[in-house]
Amino acid sequence: MKTLERVRWRSRRGLLELDIVLGRFIDTCYETLDADERLLFEGLLDMPDTRLWDMIAGKSDAGQEATQALLDKIRAA
């Protein structure tokens, strides 16, 4: 699946912590996401590493409820 390969490649980050968390999420949960959640995930991948890590670590607010729910899934993976 080319989309999964592309997402896996885009999830490779400069922070080892993000590589681990995002890689685990993609391996275990990505294929179960609906189209809207996949778009949200793509948007998260567009963020700078430090901002994304702060959101995943709960140090900053995601803002939207749907984004927060996706972050919860990422944390749980």
PDB file of N, CA and C in Angstrom:
ATOM      1  N   MET A   1       0.854  -1.184   0.000  1.00  0.00           N
ATOM      2  CA  MET A   1       0.000   0.000   0.000  1.00  0.00           C
ATOM      3  C   MET A   1       0.895   1.242   0.000  1.00  0.00           C
ATOM      4  N   LYS A   2       0.843   1.997  -1.074  1.00  0.00           N
ATOM      5  CA  LYS A   2       1.709   3.161  -1.226  1.00  0.00           C
ATOM      6  C   LYS A   2       1.417   4.252  -0.208  1.00  0.00           C
ATOM      7  N   THR A   3       0.142   4.429   0.126  1.00  0.00           N
ATOM      8  CA  THR A   3      -0.213   5.456   1.095  1.00  0.00           C
ATOM      9  C   THR A   3       0.419   5.171   2.445  1.00  0.00           C
ATOM     10  N   LEU A   4       0.354   3.936   2.889  1.00  0.00           N
ATOM     11  CA  LEU A   4       0.948   3.563   4.168  1.00  0.00           C
ATOM     12  C   LEU A   4       2.459   3.777   4.150  1.00  0.00           C
ATOM     13  N   GLU A   5       3.099   3.418   3.064  1.00  0.00           N
ATOM     14  CA  GLU A   5       4.547   3.629   2.939  1.00  0.00           C
ATOM     15  C   GLU A   5       4.886   5.117   2.991  1.00  0.00           C
ATOM     16  N   ARG A   6       4.082   5.931   2.324  1.00  0.00           N
ATOM     17  CA  ARG A   6       4.319   7.385   2.317  1.00  0.00           C
ATOM     18  C   ARG A   6       4.144   7.960   3.718  1.00  0.00           C
ATOM     19  N   VAL A   7       3.100   7.531   4.418  1.00  0.00           N
ATOM     20  CA  VAL A   7       2.853   8.021   5.779  1.00  0.00           C
ATOM     21  C   VAL A   7       3.981   7.571   6.696  1.00  0.00           C
ATOM     22  N   ARG A   8       4.407   6.334   6.557  1.00  0.00           N
ATOM     23  CA  ARG A   8       5.509   5.833   7.381  1.00  0.00           C
ATOM     24  C   ARG A   8       6.782   6.667   7.134  1.00  0.00           C
ATOM     25  N   TRP A   9       7.051   6.989   5.881  1.00  0.00           N
ATOM     26  CA  TRP A   9       8.226   7.800   5.554  1.00  0.00           C
ATOM     27  C   TRP A   9       8.098   9.214   6.136  1.00  0.00           C
ATOM     28  N   ARG A  10       6.903   9.818   6.022  1.00  0.00           N
ATOM     29  CA  ARG A  10       6.695  11.170   6.541  1.00  0.00           C
ATOM     30  C   ARG A  10       6.767  11.223   8.064  1.00  0.00           C
ATOM     31  N   SER A  11       6.518  10.085   8.715  1.00  0.00           N
ATOM     32  CA  SER A  11       6.535  10.073  10.182  1.00  0.00           C
ATOM     33  C   SER A  11       7.936   9.969  10.752  1.00  0.00           C
ATOM     34  N   ARG A  12       8.931   9.751   9.917  1.00  0.00           N
ATOM     35  CA  ARG A  12      10.315   9.717  10.393  1.00  0.00           C
ATOM     36  C   ARG A  12      10.725  11.142  10.743  1.00  0.00           C
ATOM     37  N   ARG A  13      11.129  11.331  11.980  1.00  0.00           N
ATOM     38  CA  ARG A  13      11.368  12.669  12.494  1.00  0.00           C
ATOM     39  C   ARG A  13      12.780  12.823  13.025  1.00  0.00           C
ATOM     40  N   GLY A  14      13.101  14.053  13.397  1.00  0.00           N
ATOM     41  CA  GLY A  14      14.396  14.353  13.986  1.00  0.00           C
ATOM     42  C   GLY A  14      14.485  13.962  15.455  1.00  0.00           C
ATOM     43  N   LEU A  15      13.345  13.839  16.107  1.00  0.00           N
ATOM     44  CA  LEU A  15      13.325  13.439  17.515  1.00  0.00           C
ATOM     45  C   LEU A  15      13.079  11.940  17.613  1.00  0.00           C
ATOM     46  N   LEU A  16      13.969  11.230  18.280  1.00  0.00           N
ATOM     47  CA  LEU A  16      13.833   9.792  18.435  1.00  0.00           C
ATOM     48  C   LEU A  16      12.506   9.420  19.081  1.00  0.00           C
ATOM     49  N   GLU A  17      12.079  10.216  20.054  1.00  0.00           N
ATOM     50  CA  GLU A  17      10.814   9.937  20.732  1.00  0.00           C
ATOM     51  C   GLU A  17       9.647   9.927  19.751  1.00  0.00           C
ATOM     52  N   LEU A  18       9.640  10.886  18.831  1.00  0.00           N
ATOM     53  CA  LEU A  18       8.577  10.927  17.826  1.00  0.00           C
ATOM     54  C   LEU A  18       8.664   9.734  16.890  1.00  0.00           C
ATOM     55  N   ASP A  19       9.866   9.366  16.478  1.00  0.00           N
ATOM     56  CA  ASP A  19      10.035   8.192  15.621  1.00  0.00           C
ATOM     57  C   ASP A  19       9.410   6.963  16.274  1.00  0.00           C
ATOM     58  N   ILE A  20       9.668   6.787  17.540  1.00  0.00           N
ATOM     59  CA  ILE A  20       9.177   5.614  18.258  1.00  0.00           C
ATOM     60  C   ILE A  20       7.652   5.656  18.387  1.00  0.00           C
ATOM     61  N   VAL A  21       7.132   6.767  18.879  1.00  0.00           N
ATOM     62  CA  VAL A  21       5.684   6.879  19.113  1.00  0.00           C
ATOM     63  C   VAL A  21       4.906   6.805  17.804  1.00  0.00           C
ATOM     64  N   LEU A  22       5.322   7.565  16.805  1.00  0.00           N
ATOM     65  CA  LEU A  22       4.591   7.575  15.543  1.00  0.00           C
ATOM     66  C   LEU A  22       4.725   6.241  14.816  1.00  0.00           C
ATOM     67  N   GLY A  23       5.901   5.646  14.847  1.00  0.00           N
ATOM     68  CA  GLY A  23       6.093   4.342  14.211  1.00  0.00           C
ATOM     69  C   GLY A  23       5.205   3.279  14.825  1.00  0.00           C
ATOM     70  N   ARG A  24       5.142   3.253  16.148  1.00  0.00           N
ATOM     71  CA  ARG A  24       4.289   2.286  16.835  1.00  0.00           C
ATOM     72  C   ARG A  24       2.812   2.516  16.475  1.00  0.00           C
ATOM     73  N   PHE A  25       2.406   3.796  16.430  1.00  0.00           N
ATOM     74  CA  PHE A  25       1.026   4.119  16.074  1.00  0.00           C
ATOM     75  C   PHE A  25       0.701   3.652  14.655  1.00  0.00           C
ATOM     76  N   ILE A  26       1.587   3.913  13.722  1.00  0.00           N
ATOM     77  CA  ILE A  26       1.344   3.506  12.337  1.00  0.00           C
ATOM     78  C   ILE A  26       1.263   1.984  12.235  1.00  0.00           C
ATOM     79  N   ASP A  27       2.140   1.291  12.926  1.00  0.00           N
ATOM     80  CA  ASP A  27       2.142  -0.174  12.877  1.00  0.00           C
ATOM     81  C   ASP A  27       0.878  -0.782  13.464  1.00  0.00           C
ATOM     82  N   THR A  28       0.335  -0.172  14.505  1.00  0.00           N
ATOM     83  CA  THR A  28      -0.785  -0.798  15.217  1.00  0.00           C
ATOM     84  C   THR A  28      -2.151  -0.194  14.920  1.00  0.00           C
ATOM     85  N   CYS A  29      -2.218   1.070  14.538  1.00  0.00           N
ATOM     86  CA  CYS A  29      -3.524   1.736  14.476  1.00  0.00           C
ATOM     87  C   CYS A  29      -3.859   2.452  13.178  1.00  0.00           C
ATOM     88  N   TYR A  30      -2.871   2.819  12.384  1.00  0.00           N
ATOM     89  CA  TYR A  30      -3.133   3.701  11.246  1.00  0.00           C
ATOM     90  C   TYR A  30      -4.206   3.156  10.309  1.00  0.00           C
ATOM     91  N   GLU A  31      -4.154   1.876  10.007  1.00  0.00           N
ATOM     92  CA  GLU A  31      -5.101   1.309   9.048  1.00  0.00           C
ATOM     93  C   GLU A  31      -6.533   1.289   9.569  1.00  0.00           C
ATOM     94  N   THR A  32      -6.739   1.473  10.862  1.00  0.00           N
ATOM     95  CA  THR A  32      -8.094   1.502  11.421  1.00  0.00           C
ATOM     96  C   THR A  32      -8.693   2.906  11.422  1.00  0.00           C
ATOM     97  N   LEU A  33      -7.907   3.914  11.068  1.00  0.00           N
ATOM     98  CA  LEU A  33      -8.401   5.291  11.054  1.00  0.00           C
ATOM     99  C   LEU A  33      -9.365   5.510   9.900  1.00  0.00           C
ATOM    100  N   ASP A  34     -10.369   6.354  10.130  1.00  0.00           N
ATOM    101  CA  ASP A  34     -11.253   6.724   9.025  1.00  0.00           C
ATOM    102  C   ASP A  34     -10.589   7.851   8.222  1.00  0.00           C
ATOM    103  N   ALA A  35     -11.216   8.260   7.151  1.00  0.00           N
ATOM    104  CA  ALA A  35     -10.630   9.253   6.243  1.00  0.00           C
ATOM    105  C   ALA A  35     -10.349  10.578   6.947  1.00  0.00           C
ATOM    106  N   ASP A  36     -11.261  11.020   7.800  1.00  0.00           N
ATOM    107  CA  ASP A  36     -11.056  12.290   8.507  1.00  0.00           C
ATOM    108  C   ASP A  36      -9.872  12.203   9.468  1.00  0.00           C
ATOM    109  N   GLU A  37      -9.762  11.087  10.167  1.00  0.00           N
ATOM    110  CA  GLU A  37      -8.641  10.916  11.094  1.00  0.00           C
ATOM    111  C   GLU A  37      -7.314  10.848  10.341  1.00  0.00           C
ATOM    112  N   ARG A  38      -7.328  10.238   9.178  1.00  0.00           N
ATOM    113  CA  ARG A  38      -6.097  10.178   8.374  1.00  0.00           C
ATOM    114  C   ARG A  38      -5.678  11.579   7.921  1.00  0.00           C
ATOM    115  N   LEU A  39      -6.646  12.397   7.561  1.00  0.00           N
ATOM    116  CA  LEU A  39      -6.330  13.783   7.190  1.00  0.00           C
ATOM    117  C   LEU A  39      -5.760  14.547   8.385  1.00  0.00           C
ATOM    118  N   LEU A  40      -6.347  14.349   9.560  1.00  0.00           N
ATOM    119  CA  LEU A  40      -5.817  14.986  10.767  1.00  0.00           C
ATOM    120  C   LEU A  40      -4.389  14.525  11.042  1.00  0.00           C
ATOM    121  N   PHE A  41      -4.139  13.235  10.879  1.00  0.00           N
ATOM    122  CA  PHE A  41      -2.801  12.700  11.110  1.00  0.00           C
ATOM    123  C   PHE A  41      -1.806  13.321  10.136  1.00  0.00           C
ATOM    124  N   GLU A  42      -2.195  13.439   8.878  1.00  0.00           N
ATOM    125  CA  GLU A  42      -1.331  14.090   7.882  1.00  0.00           C
ATOM    126  C   GLU A  42      -1.017  15.527   8.302  1.00  0.00           C
ATOM    127  N   GLY A  43      -2.019  16.217   8.844  1.00  0.00           N
ATOM    128  CA  GLY A  43      -1.804  17.578   9.330  1.00  0.00           C
ATOM    129  C   GLY A  43      -0.826  17.620  10.488  1.00  0.00           C
ATOM    130  N   LEU A  44      -0.905  16.631  11.373  1.00  0.00           N
ATOM    131  CA  LEU A  44       0.057  16.569  12.475  1.00  0.00           C
ATOM    132  C   LEU A  44       1.474  16.381  11.946  1.00  0.00           C
ATOM    133  N   LEU A  45       1.612  15.598  10.888  1.00  0.00           N
ATOM    134  CA  LEU A  45       2.937  15.353  10.326  1.00  0.00           C
ATOM    135  C   LEU A  45       3.533  16.603   9.678  1.00  0.00           C
ATOM    136  N   ASP A  46       2.691  17.583   9.368  1.00  0.00           N
ATOM    137  CA  ASP A  46       3.182  18.853   8.803  1.00  0.00           C
ATOM    138  C   ASP A  46       3.755  19.784   9.872  1.00  0.00           C
ATOM    139  N   MET A  47       3.521  19.470  11.138  1.00  0.00           N
ATOM    140  CA  MET A  47       3.971  20.326  12.239  1.00  0.00           C
ATOM    141  C   MET A  47       5.459  20.150  12.515  1.00  0.00           C
ATOM    142  N   PRO A  48       6.074  21.193  13.066  1.00  0.00           N
ATOM    143  CA  PRO A  48       7.461  21.059  13.519  1.00  0.00           C
ATOM    144  C   PRO A  48       7.552  20.027  14.645  1.00  0.00           C
ATOM    145  N   ASP A  49       8.681  19.354  14.727  1.00  0.00           N
ATOM    146  CA  ASP A  49       8.874  18.275  15.700  1.00  0.00           C
ATOM    147  C   ASP A  49       8.559  18.688  17.129  1.00  0.00           C
ATOM    148  N   THR A  50       9.085  19.811  17.563  1.00  0.00           N
ATOM    149  CA  THR A  50       8.903  20.194  18.968  1.00  0.00           C
ATOM    150  C   THR A  50       7.445  20.479  19.294  1.00  0.00           C
ATOM    151  N   ARG A  51       6.738  21.115  18.388  1.00  0.00           N
ATOM    152  CA  ARG A  51       5.312  21.406  18.626  1.00  0.00           C
ATOM    153  C   ARG A  51       4.520  20.111  18.665  1.00  0.00           C
ATOM    154  N   LEU A  52       4.792  19.208  17.723  1.00  0.00           N
ATOM    155  CA  LEU A  52       4.094  17.929  17.685  1.00  0.00           C
ATOM    156  C   LEU A  52       4.383  17.124  18.947  1.00  0.00           C
ATOM    157  N   TRP A  53       5.635  17.076  19.371  1.00  0.00           N
ATOM    158  CA  TRP A  53       5.973  16.332  20.578  1.00  0.00           C
ATOM    159  C   TRP A  53       5.269  16.920  21.804  1.00  0.00           C
ATOM    160  N   ASP A  54       5.231  18.238  21.897  1.00  0.00           N
ATOM    161  CA  ASP A  54       4.536  18.871  23.031  1.00  0.00           C
ATOM    162  C   ASP A  54       3.061  18.490  23.058  1.00  0.00           C
ATOM    163  N   MET A  55       2.439  18.389  21.904  1.00  0.00           N
ATOM    164  CA  MET A  55       1.039  17.996  21.844  1.00  0.00           C
ATOM    165  C   MET A  55       0.868  16.527  22.243  1.00  0.00           C
ATOM    166  N   ILE A  56       1.723  15.659  21.735  1.00  0.00           N
ATOM    167  CA  ILE A  56       1.635  14.237  22.071  1.00  0.00           C
ATOM    168  C   ILE A  56       1.924  14.026  23.551  1.00  0.00           C
ATOM    169  N   ALA A  57       2.892  14.749  24.082  1.00  0.00           N
ATOM    170  CA  ALA A  57       3.268  14.604  25.491  1.00  0.00           C
ATOM    171  C   ALA A  57       2.279  15.295  26.424  1.00  0.00           C
ATOM    172  N   GLY A  58       1.323  16.032  25.870  1.00  0.00           N
ATOM    173  CA  GLY A  58       0.326  16.710  26.696  1.00  0.00           C
ATOM    174  C   GLY A  58       0.807  18.016  27.288  1.00  0.00           C
ATOM    175  N   LYS A  59       1.887  18.555  26.752  1.00  0.00           N
ATOM    176  CA  LYS A  59       2.426  19.824  27.259  1.00  0.00           C
ATOM    177  C   LYS A  59       1.730  21.028  26.635  1.00  0.00           C
ATOM    178  N   SER A  60       1.055  20.815  25.499  1.00  0.00           N
ATOM    179  CA  SER A  60       0.300  21.906  24.874  1.00  0.00           C
ATOM    180  C   SER A  60      -1.030  21.353  24.377  1.00  0.00           C
ATOM    181  N   ASP A  61      -1.994  22.229  24.263  1.00  0.00           N
ATOM    182  CA  ASP A  61      -3.358  21.848  23.892  1.00  0.00           C
ATOM    183  C   ASP A  61      -3.469  21.695  22.383  1.00  0.00           C
ATOM    184  N   ALA A  62      -4.204  20.677  21.958  1.00  0.00           N
ATOM    185  CA  ALA A  62      -4.393  20.432  20.531  1.00  0.00           C
ATOM    186  C   ALA A  62      -5.419  21.382  19.921  1.00  0.00           C
ATOM    187  N   GLY A  63      -6.277  21.929  20.748  1.00  0.00           N
ATOM    188  CA  GLY A  63      -7.285  22.856  20.240  1.00  0.00           C
ATOM    189  C   GLY A  63      -8.580  22.164  19.884  1.00  0.00           C
ATOM    190  N   GLN A  64      -8.631  21.457  18.790  1.00  0.00           N
ATOM    191  CA  GLN A  64      -9.852  20.818  18.332  1.00  0.00           C
ATOM    192  C   GLN A  64     -10.078  19.481  19.033  1.00  0.00           C
ATOM    193  N   GLU A  65     -11.332  19.184  19.272  1.00  0.00           N
ATOM    194  CA  GLU A  65     -11.690  17.928  19.946  1.00  0.00           C
ATOM    195  C   GLU A  65     -11.267  16.708  19.126  1.00  0.00           C
ATOM    196  N   ALA A  66     -11.450  16.765  17.798  1.00  0.00           N
ATOM    197  CA  ALA A  66     -11.080  15.635  16.948  1.00  0.00           C
ATOM    198  C   ALA A  66      -9.568  15.400  16.975  1.00  0.00           C
ATOM    199  N   THR A  67      -8.806  16.483  16.971  1.00  0.00           N
ATOM    200  CA  THR A  67      -7.349  16.354  17.041  1.00  0.00           C
ATOM    201  C   THR A  67      -6.941  15.779  18.383  1.00  0.00           C
ATOM    202  N   GLN A  68      -7.582  16.217  19.445  1.00  0.00           N
ATOM    203  CA  GLN A  68      -7.281  15.691  20.772  1.00  0.00           C
ATOM    204  C   GLN A  68      -7.574  14.198  20.839  1.00  0.00           C
ATOM    205  N   ALA A  69      -8.676  13.775  20.233  1.00  0.00           N
ATOM    206  CA  ALA A  69      -9.026  12.350  20.235  1.00  0.00           C
ATOM    207  C   ALA A  69      -7.974  11.543  19.474  1.00  0.00           C
ATOM    208  N   LEU A  70      -7.475  12.086  18.368  1.00  0.00           N
ATOM    209  CA  LEU A  70      -6.425  11.395  17.623  1.00  0.00           C
ATOM    210  C   LEU A  70      -5.141  11.320  18.437  1.00  0.00           C
ATOM    211  N   LEU A  71      -4.789  12.399  19.111  1.00  0.00           N
ATOM    212  CA  LEU A  71      -3.604  12.387  19.968  1.00  0.00           C
ATOM    213  C   LEU A  71      -3.741  11.342  21.082  1.00  0.00           C
ATOM    214  N   ASP A  72      -4.937  11.193  21.608  1.00  0.00           N
ATOM    215  CA  ASP A  72      -5.177  10.158  22.616  1.00  0.00           C
ATOM    216  C   ASP A  72      -4.909   8.775  22.048  1.00  0.00           C
ATOM    217  N   LYS A  73      -5.325   8.545  20.802  1.00  0.00           N
ATOM    218  CA  LYS A  73      -5.064   7.263  20.139  1.00  0.00           C
ATOM    219  C   LYS A  73      -3.567   7.048  19.942  1.00  0.00           C
ATOM    220  N   ILE A  74      -2.867   8.105  19.562  1.00  0.00           N
ATOM    221  CA  ILE A  74      -1.421   8.002  19.350  1.00  0.00           C
ATOM    222  C   ILE A  74      -0.730   7.657  20.669  1.00  0.00           C
ATOM    223  N   ARG A  75      -1.129   8.304  21.749  1.00  0.00           N
ATOM    224  CA  ARG A  75      -0.537   8.035  23.053  1.00  0.00           C
ATOM    225  C   ARG A  75      -0.805   6.604  23.507  1.00  0.00           C
ATOM    226  N   ALA A  76      -1.991   6.094  23.199  1.00  0.00           N
ATOM    227  CA  ALA A  76      -2.393   4.758  23.650  1.00  0.00           C
ATOM    228  C   ALA A  76      -1.735   3.627  22.865  1.00  0.00           C
ATOM    229  N   ALA A  77      -1.227   3.941  21.681  1.00  0.00           N
ATOM    230  CA  ALA A  77      -0.647   2.880  20.826  1.00  0.00           C
ATOM    231  C   ALA A  77       0.633   2.314  21.414  1.00  0.00           C
TER     232      ALA A  77
END
